[in-house]
Amino acid sequence: MDVIQLIIRLVSFGVSLFVLLEFVVFCKVDTIKASVCLFTTVFLVLFLFIFLKRYNMTMCKECHNQIPHHILPKNMFKSFMM
């Protein structure tokens, strides 16, 4: 199921990137300015992803699923870490 979801997300990302790049090249805004805005947005998203630490996960002992740290209540960390 995860592979299918990954493929769907990659295809949708590819299509949206194609449409965005096509707009950047053919819109009435200067291509250089639009490209700078595009790259600034990409770096901002990467920075926020790293800063918010959405990739930190903890393994649940009961269901064996990955749970993001930001969802767990603070008092649950001790029981998950032991």
PDB file of N, CA and C in Angstrom:
ATOM      1  N   MET A   1       0.821  -1.195   0.000  1.00  0.00           N
ATOM      2  CA  MET A   1       0.000   0.000   0.000  1.00  0.00           C
ATOM      3  C   MET A   1       0.865   1.259   0.000  1.00  0.00           C
ATOM      4  N   ASP A   2       1.969   1.229   0.726  1.00  0.00           N
ATOM      5  CA  ASP A   2       2.842   2.400   0.766  1.00  0.00           C
ATOM      6  C   ASP A   2       3.485   2.670  -0.587  1.00  0.00           C
ATOM      7  N   VAL A   3       3.794   1.610  -1.337  1.00  0.00           N
ATOM      8  CA  VAL A   3       4.409   1.792  -2.657  1.00  0.00           C
ATOM      9  C   VAL A   3       3.413   2.450  -3.611  1.00  0.00           C
ATOM     10  N   ILE A   4       2.169   2.031  -3.549  1.00  0.00           N
ATOM     11  CA  ILE A   4       1.143   2.624  -4.410  1.00  0.00           C
ATOM     12  C   ILE A   4       0.943   4.095  -4.056  1.00  0.00           C
ATOM     13  N   GLN A   5       0.902   4.394  -2.763  1.00  0.00           N
ATOM     14  CA  GLN A   5       0.751   5.778  -2.327  1.00  0.00           C
ATOM     15  C   GLN A   5       1.960   6.616  -2.758  1.00  0.00           C
ATOM     16  N   LEU A   6       3.159   6.061  -2.665  1.00  0.00           N
ATOM     17  CA  LEU A   6       4.359   6.772  -3.112  1.00  0.00           C
ATOM     18  C   LEU A   6       4.296   7.063  -4.604  1.00  0.00           C
ATOM     19  N   ILE A   7       3.890   6.090  -5.395  1.00  0.00           N
ATOM     20  CA  ILE A   7       3.803   6.276  -6.844  1.00  0.00           C
ATOM     21  C   ILE A   7       2.772   7.354  -7.182  1.00  0.00           C
ATOM     22  N   ILE A   8       1.618   7.323  -6.510  1.00  0.00           N
ATOM     23  CA  ILE A   8       0.583   8.328  -6.754  1.00  0.00           C
ATOM     24  C   ILE A   8       1.097   9.717  -6.394  1.00  0.00           C
ATOM     25  N   ARG A   9       1.789   9.837  -5.266  1.00  0.00           N
ATOM     26  CA  ARG A   9       2.322  11.141  -4.855  1.00  0.00           C
ATOM     27  C   ARG A   9       3.411  11.634  -5.799  1.00  0.00           C
ATOM     28  N   LEU A  10       4.272  10.730  -6.276  1.00  0.00           N
ATOM     29  CA  LEU A  10       5.320  11.122  -7.214  1.00  0.00           C
ATOM     30  C   LEU A  10       4.739  11.570  -8.553  1.00  0.00           C
ATOM     31  N   VAL A  11       3.728  10.865  -9.036  1.00  0.00           N
ATOM     32  CA  VAL A  11       3.099  11.242 -10.303  1.00  0.00           C
ATOM     33  C   VAL A  11       2.406  12.592 -10.159  1.00  0.00           C
ATOM     34  N   SER A  12       1.685  12.792  -9.056  1.00  0.00           N
ATOM     35  CA  SER A  12       1.010  14.081  -8.869  1.00  0.00           C
ATOM     36  C   SER A  12       2.027  15.216  -8.692  1.00  0.00           C
ATOM     37  N   PHE A  13       3.145  14.941  -8.015  1.00  0.00           N
ATOM     38  CA  PHE A  13       4.204  15.942  -7.891  1.00  0.00           C
ATOM     39  C   PHE A  13       4.788  16.271  -9.251  1.00  0.00           C
ATOM     40  N   GLY A  14       5.037  15.253 -10.057  1.00  0.00           N
ATOM     41  CA  GLY A  14       5.590  15.467 -11.392  1.00  0.00           C
ATOM     42  C   GLY A  14       4.665  16.289 -12.274  1.00  0.00           C
ATOM     43  N   VAL A  15       3.368  15.990 -12.223  1.00  0.00           N
ATOM     44  CA  VAL A  15       2.410  16.739 -13.030  1.00  0.00           C
ATOM     45  C   VAL A  15       2.336  18.191 -12.563  1.00  0.00           C
ATOM     46  N   SER A  16       2.266  18.395 -11.246  1.00  0.00           N
ATOM     47  CA  SER A  16       2.183  19.774 -10.747  1.00  0.00           C
ATOM     48  C   SER A  16       3.477  20.546 -11.021  1.00  0.00           C
ATOM     49  N   LEU A  17       4.627  19.881 -10.945  1.00  0.00           N
ATOM     50  CA  LEU A  17       5.892  20.546 -11.269  1.00  0.00           C
ATOM     51  C   LEU A  17       5.941  20.927 -12.744  1.00  0.00           C
ATOM     52  N   PHE A  18       5.459  20.041 -13.605  1.00  0.00           N
ATOM     53  CA  PHE A  18       5.418  20.339 -15.040  1.00  0.00           C
ATOM     54  C   PHE A  18       4.543  21.559 -15.319  1.00  0.00           C
ATOM     55  N   VAL A  19       3.349  21.594 -14.704  1.00  0.00           N
ATOM     56  CA  VAL A  19       2.436  22.720 -14.918  1.00  0.00           C
ATOM     57  C   VAL A  19       3.042  24.009 -14.370  1.00  0.00           C
ATOM     58  N   LEU A  20       3.702  23.928 -13.210  1.00  0.00           N
ATOM     59  CA  LEU A  20       4.324  25.110 -12.623  1.00  0.00           C
ATOM     60  C   LEU A  20       5.467  25.624 -13.490  1.00  0.00           C
ATOM     61  N   LEU A  21       6.332  24.724 -13.956  1.00  0.00           N
ATOM     62  CA  LEU A  21       7.444  25.153 -14.812  1.00  0.00           C
ATOM     63  C   LEU A  21       6.953  25.721 -16.137  1.00  0.00           C
ATOM     64  N   GLU A  22       5.902  25.139 -16.672  1.00  0.00           N
ATOM     65  CA  GLU A  22       5.318  25.668 -17.897  1.00  0.00           C
ATOM     66  C   GLU A  22       4.793  27.082 -17.664  1.00  0.00           C
ATOM     67  N   PHE A  23       4.168  27.310 -16.516  1.00  0.00           N
ATOM     68  CA  PHE A  23       3.680  28.646 -16.188  1.00  0.00           C
ATOM     69  C   PHE A  23       4.839  29.622 -16.003  1.00  0.00           C
ATOM     70  N   VAL A  24       5.908  29.177 -15.340  1.00  0.00           N
ATOM     71  CA  VAL A  24       7.063  30.049 -15.105  1.00  0.00           C
ATOM     72  C   VAL A  24       7.673  30.495 -16.427  1.00  0.00           C
ATOM     73  N   VAL A  25       7.726  29.612 -17.396  1.00  0.00           N
ATOM     74  CA  VAL A  25       8.356  29.946 -18.680  1.00  0.00           C
ATOM     75  C   VAL A  25       7.442  30.814 -19.537  1.00  0.00           C
ATOM     76  N   PHE A  26       6.141  30.538 -19.537  1.00  0.00           N
ATOM     77  CA  PHE A  26       5.248  31.211 -20.483  1.00  0.00           C
ATOM     78  C   PHE A  26       4.409  32.338 -19.885  1.00  0.00           C
ATOM     79  N   CYS A  27       4.524  32.606 -18.581  1.00  0.00           N
ATOM     80  CA  CYS A  27       3.726  33.691 -18.005  1.00  0.00           C
ATOM     81  C   CYS A  27       4.339  35.042 -18.366  1.00  0.00           C
ATOM     82  N   LYS A  28       3.630  36.113 -18.053  1.00  0.00           N
ATOM     83  CA  LYS A  28       4.092  37.459 -18.404  1.00  0.00           C
ATOM     84  C   LYS A  28       5.108  38.015 -17.416  1.00  0.00           C
ATOM     85  N   VAL A  29       5.359  37.280 -16.332  1.00  0.00           N
ATOM     86  CA  VAL A  29       6.390  37.678 -15.380  1.00  0.00           C
ATOM     87  C   VAL A  29       7.741  37.250 -15.954  1.00  0.00           C
ATOM     88  N   ASP A  30       8.777  38.026 -15.673  1.00  0.00           N
ATOM     89  CA  ASP A  30      10.125  37.692 -16.132  1.00  0.00           C
ATOM     90  C   ASP A  30      10.501  36.292 -15.636  1.00  0.00           C
ATOM     91  N   THR A  31      11.033  35.462 -16.528  1.00  0.00           N
ATOM     92  CA  THR A  31      11.346  34.077 -16.198  1.00  0.00           C
ATOM     93  C   THR A  31      12.364  33.985 -15.062  1.00  0.00           C
ATOM     94  N   ILE A  32      13.325  34.881 -15.030  1.00  0.00           N
ATOM     95  CA  ILE A  32      14.334  34.870 -13.970  1.00  0.00           C
ATOM     96  C   ILE A  32      13.683  35.145 -12.617  1.00  0.00           C
ATOM     97  N   LYS A  33      12.809  36.152 -12.561  1.00  0.00           N
ATOM     98  CA  LYS A  33      12.128  36.478 -11.300  1.00  0.00           C
ATOM     99  C   LYS A  33      11.237  35.322 -10.844  1.00  0.00           C
ATOM    100  N   ALA A  34      10.515  34.723 -11.783  1.00  0.00           N
ATOM    101  CA  ALA A  34       9.648  33.597 -11.435  1.00  0.00           C
ATOM    102  C   ALA A  34      10.469  32.395 -10.963  1.00  0.00           C
ATOM    103  N   SER A  35      11.624  32.166 -11.580  1.00  0.00           N
ATOM    104  CA  SER A  35      12.496  31.061 -11.159  1.00  0.00           C
ATOM    105  C   SER A  35      13.051  31.301  -9.761  1.00  0.00           C
ATOM    106  N   VAL A  36      13.430  32.534  -9.467  1.00  0.00           N
ATOM    107  CA  VAL A  36      13.925  32.870  -8.127  1.00  0.00           C
ATOM    108  C   VAL A  36      12.828  32.647  -7.093  1.00  0.00           C
ATOM    109  N   CYS A  37      11.615  33.040  -7.411  1.00  0.00           N
ATOM    110  CA  CYS A  37      10.484  32.801  -6.491  1.00  0.00           C
ATOM    111  C   CYS A  37      10.246  31.305  -6.299  1.00  0.00           C
ATOM    112  N   LEU A  38      10.345  30.544  -7.366  1.00  0.00           N
ATOM    113  CA  LEU A  38      10.159  29.091  -7.287  1.00  0.00           C
ATOM    114  C   LEU A  38      11.206  28.453  -6.386  1.00  0.00           C
ATOM    115  N   PHE A  39      12.480  28.795  -6.603  1.00  0.00           N
ATOM    116  CA  PHE A  39      13.547  28.214  -5.784  1.00  0.00           C
ATOM    117  C   PHE A  39      13.466  28.693  -4.333  1.00  0.00           C
ATOM    118  N   THR A  40      13.058  29.927  -4.123  1.00  0.00           N
ATOM    119  CA  THR A  40      12.879  30.429  -2.756  1.00  0.00           C
ATOM    120  C   THR A  40      11.791  29.633  -2.041  1.00  0.00           C
ATOM    121  N   THR A  41      10.714  29.347  -2.743  1.00  0.00           N
ATOM    122  CA  THR A  41       9.637  28.552  -2.156  1.00  0.00           C
ATOM    123  C   THR A  41      10.102  27.137  -1.830  1.00  0.00           C
ATOM    124  N   VAL A  42      10.879  26.534  -2.727  1.00  0.00           N
ATOM    125  CA  VAL A  42      11.393  25.179  -2.481  1.00  0.00           C
ATOM    126  C   VAL A  42      12.290  25.170  -1.241  1.00  0.00           C
ATOM    127  N   PHE A  43      13.184  26.122  -1.130  1.00  0.00           N
ATOM    128  CA  PHE A  43      14.074  26.166   0.034  1.00  0.00           C
ATOM    129  C   PHE A  43      13.310  26.475   1.314  1.00  0.00           C
ATOM    130  N   LEU A  44      12.279  27.300   1.226  1.00  0.00           N
ATOM    131  CA  LEU A  44      11.449  27.591   2.392  1.00  0.00           C
ATOM    132  C   LEU A  44      10.717  26.343   2.870  1.00  0.00           C
ATOM    133  N   VAL A  45      10.175  25.572   1.943  1.00  0.00           N
ATOM    134  CA  VAL A  45       9.494  24.332   2.314  1.00  0.00           C
ATOM    135  C   VAL A  45      10.481  23.351   2.946  1.00  0.00           C
ATOM    136  N   LEU A  46      11.668  23.200   2.368  1.00  0.00           N
ATOM    137  CA  LEU A  46      12.675  22.300   2.943  1.00  0.00           C
ATOM    138  C   LEU A  46      13.104  22.765   4.331  1.00  0.00           C
ATOM    139  N   PHE A  47      13.298  24.058   4.496  1.00  0.00           N
ATOM    140  CA  PHE A  47      13.676  24.596   5.795  1.00  0.00           C
ATOM    141  C   PHE A  47      12.593  24.327   6.834  1.00  0.00           C
ATOM    142  N   LEU A  48      11.341  24.580   6.478  1.00  0.00           N
ATOM    143  CA  LEU A  48      10.244  24.335   7.412  1.00  0.00           C
ATOM    144  C   LEU A  48      10.104  22.854   7.745  1.00  0.00           C
ATOM    145  N   PHE A  49      10.326  21.988   6.764  1.00  0.00           N
ATOM    146  CA  PHE A  49      10.258  20.548   7.017  1.00  0.00           C
ATOM    147  C   PHE A  49      11.315  20.130   8.030  1.00  0.00           C
ATOM    148  N   ILE A  50      12.521  20.652   7.870  1.00  0.00           N
ATOM    149  CA  ILE A  50      13.600  20.317   8.794  1.00  0.00           C
ATOM    150  C   ILE A  50      13.378  20.985  10.143  1.00  0.00           C
ATOM    151  N   PHE A  51      12.943  22.246  10.142  1.00  0.00           N
ATOM    152  CA  PHE A  51      12.739  22.987  11.383  1.00  0.00           C
ATOM    153  C   PHE A  51      11.607  22.401  12.224  1.00  0.00           C
ATOM    154  N   LEU A  52      10.519  21.990  11.584  1.00  0.00           N
ATOM    155  CA  LEU A  52       9.373  21.442  12.314  1.00  0.00           C
ATOM    156  C   LEU A  52       9.566  19.977  12.699  1.00  0.00           C
ATOM    157  N   LYS A  53      10.592  19.338  12.175  1.00  0.00           N
ATOM    158  CA  LYS A  53      10.957  17.950  12.495  1.00  0.00           C
ATOM    159  C   LYS A  53       9.784  16.998  12.315  1.00  0.00           C
ATOM    160  N   ARG A  54       9.124  17.099  11.171  1.00  0.00           N
ATOM    161  CA  ARG A  54       7.999  16.216  10.877  1.00  0.00           C
ATOM    162  C   ARG A  54       8.469  14.789  10.614  1.00  0.00           C
ATOM    163  N   TYR A  55       9.766  14.591  10.432  1.00  0.00           N
ATOM    164  CA  TYR A  55      10.295  13.280  10.137  1.00  0.00           C
ATOM    165  C   TYR A  55      10.626  12.481  11.400  1.00  0.00           C
ATOM    166  N   ASN A  56      10.577  13.090  12.610  1.00  0.00           N
ATOM    167  CA  ASN A  56      10.839  12.370  13.850  1.00  0.00           C
ATOM    168  C   ASN A  56       9.670  11.443  14.170  1.00  0.00           C
ATOM    169  N   MET A  57       9.950  10.162  14.230  1.00  0.00           N
ATOM    170  CA  MET A  57       8.897   9.177  14.447  1.00  0.00           C
ATOM    171  C   MET A  57       9.277   8.263  15.616  1.00  0.00           C
ATOM    172  N   THR A  58       8.277   7.729  16.286  1.00  0.00           N
ATOM    173  CA  THR A  58       8.465   6.783  17.371  1.00  0.00           C
ATOM    174  C   THR A  58       7.663   5.530  17.058  1.00  0.00           C
ATOM    175  N   MET A  59       8.238   4.359  17.332  1.00  0.00           N
ATOM    176  CA  MET A  59       7.553   3.098  17.097  1.00  0.00           C
ATOM    177  C   MET A  59       6.621   2.802  18.268  1.00  0.00           C
ATOM    178  N   CYS A  60       5.341   2.592  17.980  1.00  0.00           N
ATOM    179  CA  CYS A  60       4.361   2.245  19.004  1.00  0.00           C
ATOM    180  C   CYS A  60       4.551   0.777  19.376  1.00  0.00           C
ATOM    181  N   LYS A  61       4.646   0.495  20.665  1.00  0.00           N
ATOM    182  CA  LYS A  61       4.863  -0.885  21.120  1.00  0.00           C
ATOM    183  C   LYS A  61       3.618  -1.744  20.939  1.00  0.00           C
ATOM    184  N   GLU A  62       2.447  -1.133  20.930  1.00  0.00           N
ATOM    185  CA  GLU A  62       1.211  -1.904  20.820  1.00  0.00           C
ATOM    186  C   GLU A  62       0.835  -2.227  19.377  1.00  0.00           C
ATOM    187  N   CYS A  63       0.827  -1.242  18.519  1.00  0.00           N
ATOM    188  CA  CYS A  63       0.382  -1.464  17.140  1.00  0.00           C
ATOM    189  C   CYS A  63       1.534  -1.568  16.144  1.00  0.00           C
ATOM    190  N   HIS A  64       2.762  -1.268  16.571  1.00  0.00           N
ATOM    191  CA  HIS A  64       3.979  -1.345  15.738  1.00  0.00           C
ATOM    192  C   HIS A  64       3.914  -0.403  14.528  1.00  0.00           C
ATOM    193  N   ASN A  65       3.210   0.700  14.659  1.00  0.00           N
ATOM    194  CA  ASN A  65       3.171   1.730  13.619  1.00  0.00           C
ATOM    195  C   ASN A  65       4.071   2.889  14.016  1.00  0.00           C
ATOM    196  N   GLN A  66       4.507   3.638  13.035  1.00  0.00           N
ATOM    197  CA  GLN A  66       5.297   4.832  13.280  1.00  0.00           C
ATOM    198  C   GLN A  66       4.353   5.973  13.654  1.00  0.00           C
ATOM    199  N   ILE A  67       4.645   6.674  14.743  1.00  0.00           N
ATOM    200  CA  ILE A  67       3.828   7.785  15.206  1.00  0.00           C
ATOM    201  C   ILE A  67       4.716   9.027  15.252  1.00  0.00           C
ATOM    202  N   PRO A  68       4.284  10.115  14.598  1.00  0.00           N
ATOM    203  CA  PRO A  68       5.077  11.355  14.665  1.00  0.00           C
ATOM    204  C   PRO A  68       5.133  11.899  16.086  1.00  0.00           C
ATOM    205  N   HIS A  69       6.284  12.455  16.462  1.00  0.00           N
ATOM    206  CA  HIS A  69       6.460  12.994  17.812  1.00  0.00           C
ATOM    207  C   HIS A  69       5.488  14.116  18.122  1.00  0.00           C
ATOM    208  N   HIS A  70       5.134  14.916  17.135  1.00  0.00           N
ATOM    209  CA  HIS A  70       4.271  16.063  17.406  1.00  0.00           C
ATOM    210  C   HIS A  70       2.838  15.656  17.732  1.00  0.00           C
ATOM    211  N   ILE A  71       2.449  14.406  17.475  1.00  0.00           N
ATOM    212  CA  ILE A  71       1.101  13.937  17.790  1.00  0.00           C
ATOM    213  C   ILE A  71       1.023  13.397  19.214  1.00  0.00           C
ATOM    214  N   LEU A  72       2.125  12.832  19.697  1.00  0.00           N
ATOM    215  CA  LEU A  72       2.113  12.222  21.024  1.00  0.00           C
ATOM    216  C   LEU A  72       2.038  13.266  22.128  1.00  0.00           C
ATOM    217  N   PRO A  73       1.228  13.009  23.141  1.00  0.00           N
ATOM    218  CA  PRO A  73       1.257  13.894  24.320  1.00  0.00           C
ATOM    219  C   PRO A  73       2.599  13.770  25.035  1.00  0.00           C
ATOM    220  N   LYS A  74       2.985  14.802  25.741  1.00  0.00           N
ATOM    221  CA  LYS A  74       4.309  14.829  26.377  1.00  0.00           C
ATOM    222  C   LYS A  74       4.492  13.679  27.372  1.00  0.00           C
ATOM    223  N   ASN A  75       3.464  13.303  28.115  1.00  0.00           N
ATOM    224  CA  ASN A  75       3.625  12.249  29.124  1.00  0.00           C
ATOM    225  C   ASN A  75       3.746  10.864  28.507  1.00  0.00           C
ATOM    226  N   MET A  76       3.426  10.710  27.239  1.00  0.00           N
ATOM    227  CA  MET A  76       3.523   9.411  26.589  1.00  0.00           C
ATOM    228  C   MET A  76       4.936   9.103  26.133  1.00  0.00           C
ATOM    229  N   PHE A  77       5.796  10.106  26.025  1.00  0.00           N
ATOM    230  CA  PHE A  77       7.154   9.871  25.544  1.00  0.00           C
ATOM    231  C   PHE A  77       7.896   8.881  26.426  1.00  0.00           C
ATOM    232  N   LYS A  78       7.719   8.947  27.720  1.00  0.00           N
ATOM    233  CA  LYS A  78       8.441   8.054  28.626  1.00  0.00           C
ATOM    234  C   LYS A  78       8.060   6.610  28.387  1.00  0.00           C
ATOM    235  N   SER A  79       6.781   6.321  28.181  1.00  0.00           N
ATOM    236  CA  SER A  79       6.361   4.939  27.981  1.00  0.00           C
ATOM    237  C   SER A  79       6.803   4.412  26.621  1.00  0.00           C
ATOM    238  N   PHE A  80       6.891   5.274  25.594  1.00  0.00           N
ATOM    239  CA  PHE A  80       7.322   4.833  24.282  1.00  0.00           C
ATOM    240  C   PHE A  80       8.825   4.649  24.208  1.00  0.00           C
ATOM    241  N   MET A  81       9.567   5.408  24.972  1.00  0.00           N
ATOM    242  CA  MET A  81      11.014   5.358  24.883  1.00  0.00           C
ATOM    243  C   MET A  81      11.619   4.214  25.697  1.00  0.00           C
ATOM    244  N   MET A  82      10.901   3.689  26.633  1.00  0.00           N
ATOM    245  CA  MET A  82      11.461   2.641  27.483  1.00  0.00           C
ATOM    246  C   MET A  82      11.417   1.297  26.835  1.00  0.00           C
TER     247      MET A  82
END
